[in-house]
Amino acid sequence: MVSELAVALGLVLVIEGILPFAWPSGWRAAARKASETAEPSLRIMGLSMMLIGTVVVSIAR
């Protein structure tokens, strides 16, 4: 269980690092726009991402 969690965390870091590596200017613009987005909208987006991720993981297992 712990090793699976470590693998999942590692994959998240790899995936999160793709855009800043491949397209730094676009990533910076997206981060700037996200920082200007209202907090409730960011919370809804984060919740949506968590729910979609949970569905994907449950389907994959």
N, C-alpha and C. Protein backbone atom coordinates (compact mmCIF):
# COMPACT_ATOMS: atom_id res chain seq x y z
N MET A 1 0.82 -1.19 0.00
CA MET A 1 0.00 0.00 0.00
C MET A 1 0.87 1.26 0.00
N VAL A 2 1.88 1.29 0.84
CA VAL A 2 2.75 2.47 0.91
C VAL A 2 3.53 2.63 -0.39
N SER A 3 3.98 1.53 -0.97
CA SER A 3 4.73 1.62 -2.22
C SER A 3 3.82 2.10 -3.36
N GLU A 4 2.56 1.67 -3.37
CA GLU A 4 1.63 2.15 -4.40
C GLU A 4 1.39 3.65 -4.25
N LEU A 5 1.28 4.12 -3.03
CA LEU A 5 1.10 5.55 -2.77
C LEU A 5 2.32 6.34 -3.23
N ALA A 6 3.51 5.80 -2.99
CA ALA A 6 4.74 6.46 -3.42
C ALA A 6 4.81 6.52 -4.95
N VAL A 7 4.41 5.45 -5.62
CA VAL A 7 4.39 5.43 -7.08
C VAL A 7 3.39 6.46 -7.60
N ALA A 8 2.22 6.52 -6.99
CA ALA A 8 1.20 7.49 -7.41
C ALA A 8 1.70 8.91 -7.23
N LEU A 9 2.33 9.20 -6.12
CA LEU A 9 2.88 10.53 -5.88
C LEU A 9 3.96 10.86 -6.90
N GLY A 10 4.82 9.90 -7.19
CA GLY A 10 5.85 10.11 -8.19
C GLY A 10 5.27 10.41 -9.56
N LEU A 11 4.22 9.68 -9.94
CA LEU A 11 3.57 9.93 -11.23
C LEU A 11 2.92 11.31 -11.28
N VAL A 12 2.33 11.73 -10.18
CA VAL A 12 1.75 13.07 -10.12
C VAL A 12 2.83 14.12 -10.35
N LEU A 13 3.97 13.95 -9.72
CA LEU A 13 5.07 14.91 -9.89
C LEU A 13 5.58 14.93 -11.32
N VAL A 14 5.68 13.77 -11.94
CA VAL A 14 6.13 13.71 -13.33
C VAL A 14 5.13 14.42 -14.24
N ILE A 15 3.85 14.11 -14.07
CA ILE A 15 2.82 14.71 -14.91
C ILE A 15 2.75 16.22 -14.68
N GLU A 16 2.82 16.65 -13.43
CA GLU A 16 2.78 18.08 -13.12
C GLU A 16 4.01 18.81 -13.66
N GLY A 17 5.10 18.12 -13.84
CA GLY A 17 6.32 18.77 -14.32
C GLY A 17 6.42 18.86 -15.83
N ILE A 18 5.53 18.19 -16.56
CA ILE A 18 5.61 18.19 -18.02
C ILE A 18 5.40 19.59 -18.59
N LEU A 19 4.33 20.27 -18.20
CA LEU A 19 4.05 21.59 -18.77
C LEU A 19 5.11 22.64 -18.47
N PRO A 20 5.56 22.79 -17.22
CA PRO A 20 6.60 23.80 -17.00
C PRO A 20 7.90 23.49 -17.75
N PHE A 21 8.17 22.22 -17.98
CA PHE A 21 9.37 21.85 -18.72
C PHE A 21 9.21 22.12 -20.21
N ALA A 22 8.06 21.69 -20.76
CA ALA A 22 7.86 21.77 -22.20
C ALA A 22 7.39 23.14 -22.68
N TRP A 23 6.65 23.86 -21.86
CA TRP A 23 6.05 25.13 -22.28
C TRP A 23 6.03 26.10 -21.11
N PRO A 24 7.20 26.59 -20.69
CA PRO A 24 7.27 27.43 -19.48
C PRO A 24 6.48 28.74 -19.58
N SER A 25 6.47 29.37 -20.74
CA SER A 25 5.75 30.64 -20.84
C SER A 25 4.24 30.43 -20.72
N GLY A 26 3.72 29.38 -21.35
CA GLY A 26 2.30 29.08 -21.24
C GLY A 26 1.92 28.67 -19.84
N TRP A 27 2.78 27.92 -19.19
CA TRP A 27 2.52 27.49 -17.82
C TRP A 27 2.49 28.70 -16.89
N ARG A 28 3.41 29.63 -17.10
CA ARG A 28 3.46 30.84 -16.27
C ARG A 28 2.18 31.67 -16.47
N ALA A 29 1.73 31.79 -17.72
CA ALA A 29 0.50 32.53 -17.98
C ALA A 29 -0.70 31.86 -17.33
N ALA A 30 -0.76 30.53 -17.40
CA ALA A 30 -1.86 29.80 -16.78
C ALA A 30 -1.83 29.95 -15.25
N ALA A 31 -0.64 29.92 -14.67
CA ALA A 31 -0.52 30.09 -13.22
C ALA A 31 -0.94 31.51 -12.82
N ARG A 32 -0.58 32.48 -13.63
CA ARG A 32 -0.97 33.87 -13.35
C ARG A 32 -2.49 34.00 -13.39
N LYS A 33 -3.10 33.41 -14.41
CA LYS A 33 -4.55 33.47 -14.54
C LYS A 33 -5.23 32.76 -13.38
N ALA A 34 -4.68 31.62 -12.97
CA ALA A 34 -5.24 30.88 -11.83
C ALA A 34 -5.16 31.70 -10.55
N SER A 35 -4.08 32.46 -10.40
CA SER A 35 -3.94 33.28 -9.19
C SER A 35 -4.95 34.42 -9.15
N GLU A 36 -5.47 34.79 -10.31
CA GLU A 36 -6.46 35.86 -10.39
C GLU A 36 -7.89 35.34 -10.33
N THR A 37 -8.06 34.02 -10.36
CA THR A 37 -9.40 33.41 -10.34
C THR A 37 -9.96 33.45 -8.92
N ALA A 38 -11.25 33.65 -8.82
CA ALA A 38 -11.91 33.71 -7.52
C ALA A 38 -11.74 32.38 -6.77
N GLU A 39 -11.61 32.48 -5.46
CA GLU A 39 -11.38 31.30 -4.63
C GLU A 39 -12.49 30.25 -4.74
N PRO A 40 -13.77 30.63 -4.74
CA PRO A 40 -14.82 29.60 -4.90
C PRO A 40 -14.69 28.81 -6.21
N SER A 41 -14.31 29.49 -7.28
CA SER A 41 -14.13 28.80 -8.57
C SER A 41 -12.98 27.81 -8.50
N LEU A 42 -11.90 28.20 -7.83
CA LEU A 42 -10.76 27.29 -7.68
C LEU A 42 -11.15 26.07 -6.83
N ARG A 43 -11.94 26.30 -5.80
CA ARG A 43 -12.38 25.18 -4.96
C ARG A 43 -13.25 24.20 -5.75
N ILE A 44 -14.15 24.74 -6.57
CA ILE A 44 -15.01 23.87 -7.39
C ILE A 44 -14.16 23.09 -8.38
N MET A 45 -13.18 23.75 -8.99
CA MET A 45 -12.30 23.07 -9.93
C MET A 45 -11.50 21.98 -9.22
N GLY A 46 -10.98 22.27 -8.04
CA GLY A 46 -10.23 21.27 -7.28
C GLY A 46 -11.08 20.08 -6.88
N LEU A 47 -12.31 20.35 -6.45
CA LEU A 47 -13.23 19.27 -6.09
C LEU A 47 -13.54 18.42 -7.31
N SER A 48 -13.78 19.06 -8.44
CA SER A 48 -14.06 18.33 -9.67
C SER A 48 -12.90 17.43 -10.06
N MET A 49 -11.69 17.95 -9.95
CA MET A 49 -10.50 17.15 -10.28
C MET A 49 -10.37 15.95 -9.35
N MET A 50 -10.64 16.15 -8.06
CA MET A 50 -10.56 15.05 -7.12
C MET A 50 -11.60 13.98 -7.43
N LEU A 51 -12.82 14.40 -7.76
CA LEU A 51 -13.87 13.44 -8.07
C LEU A 51 -13.56 12.66 -9.35
N ILE A 52 -13.10 13.37 -10.38
CA ILE A 52 -12.73 12.69 -11.62
C ILE A 52 -11.57 11.72 -11.38
N GLY A 53 -10.58 12.14 -10.61
CA GLY A 53 -9.47 11.26 -10.28
C GLY A 53 -9.91 10.02 -9.53
N THR A 54 -10.84 10.18 -8.60
CA THR A 54 -11.36 9.05 -7.85
C THR A 54 -12.08 8.07 -8.78
N VAL A 55 -12.86 8.59 -9.71
CA VAL A 55 -13.56 7.73 -10.67
C VAL A 55 -12.56 6.99 -11.54
N VAL A 56 -11.54 7.70 -12.03
CA VAL A 56 -10.54 7.06 -12.88
C VAL A 56 -9.81 5.95 -12.14
N VAL A 57 -9.43 6.21 -10.90
CA VAL A 57 -8.73 5.19 -10.11
C VAL A 57 -9.64 3.99 -9.85
N SER A 58 -10.89 4.25 -9.52
CA SER A 58 -11.79 3.12 -9.25
C SER A 58 -12.06 2.29 -10.50
N ILE A 59 -12.14 2.94 -11.66
CA ILE A 59 -12.32 2.20 -12.90
C ILE A 59 -11.06 1.39 -13.23
N ALA A 60 -9.90 1.99 -13.00
CA ALA A 60 -8.63 1.32 -13.32
C ALA A 60 -8.40 0.10 -12.43
N ARG A 61 -8.91 0.12 -11.24
CA ARG A 61 -8.72 -1.01 -10.33
C ARG A 61 -9.78 -2.02 -10.59
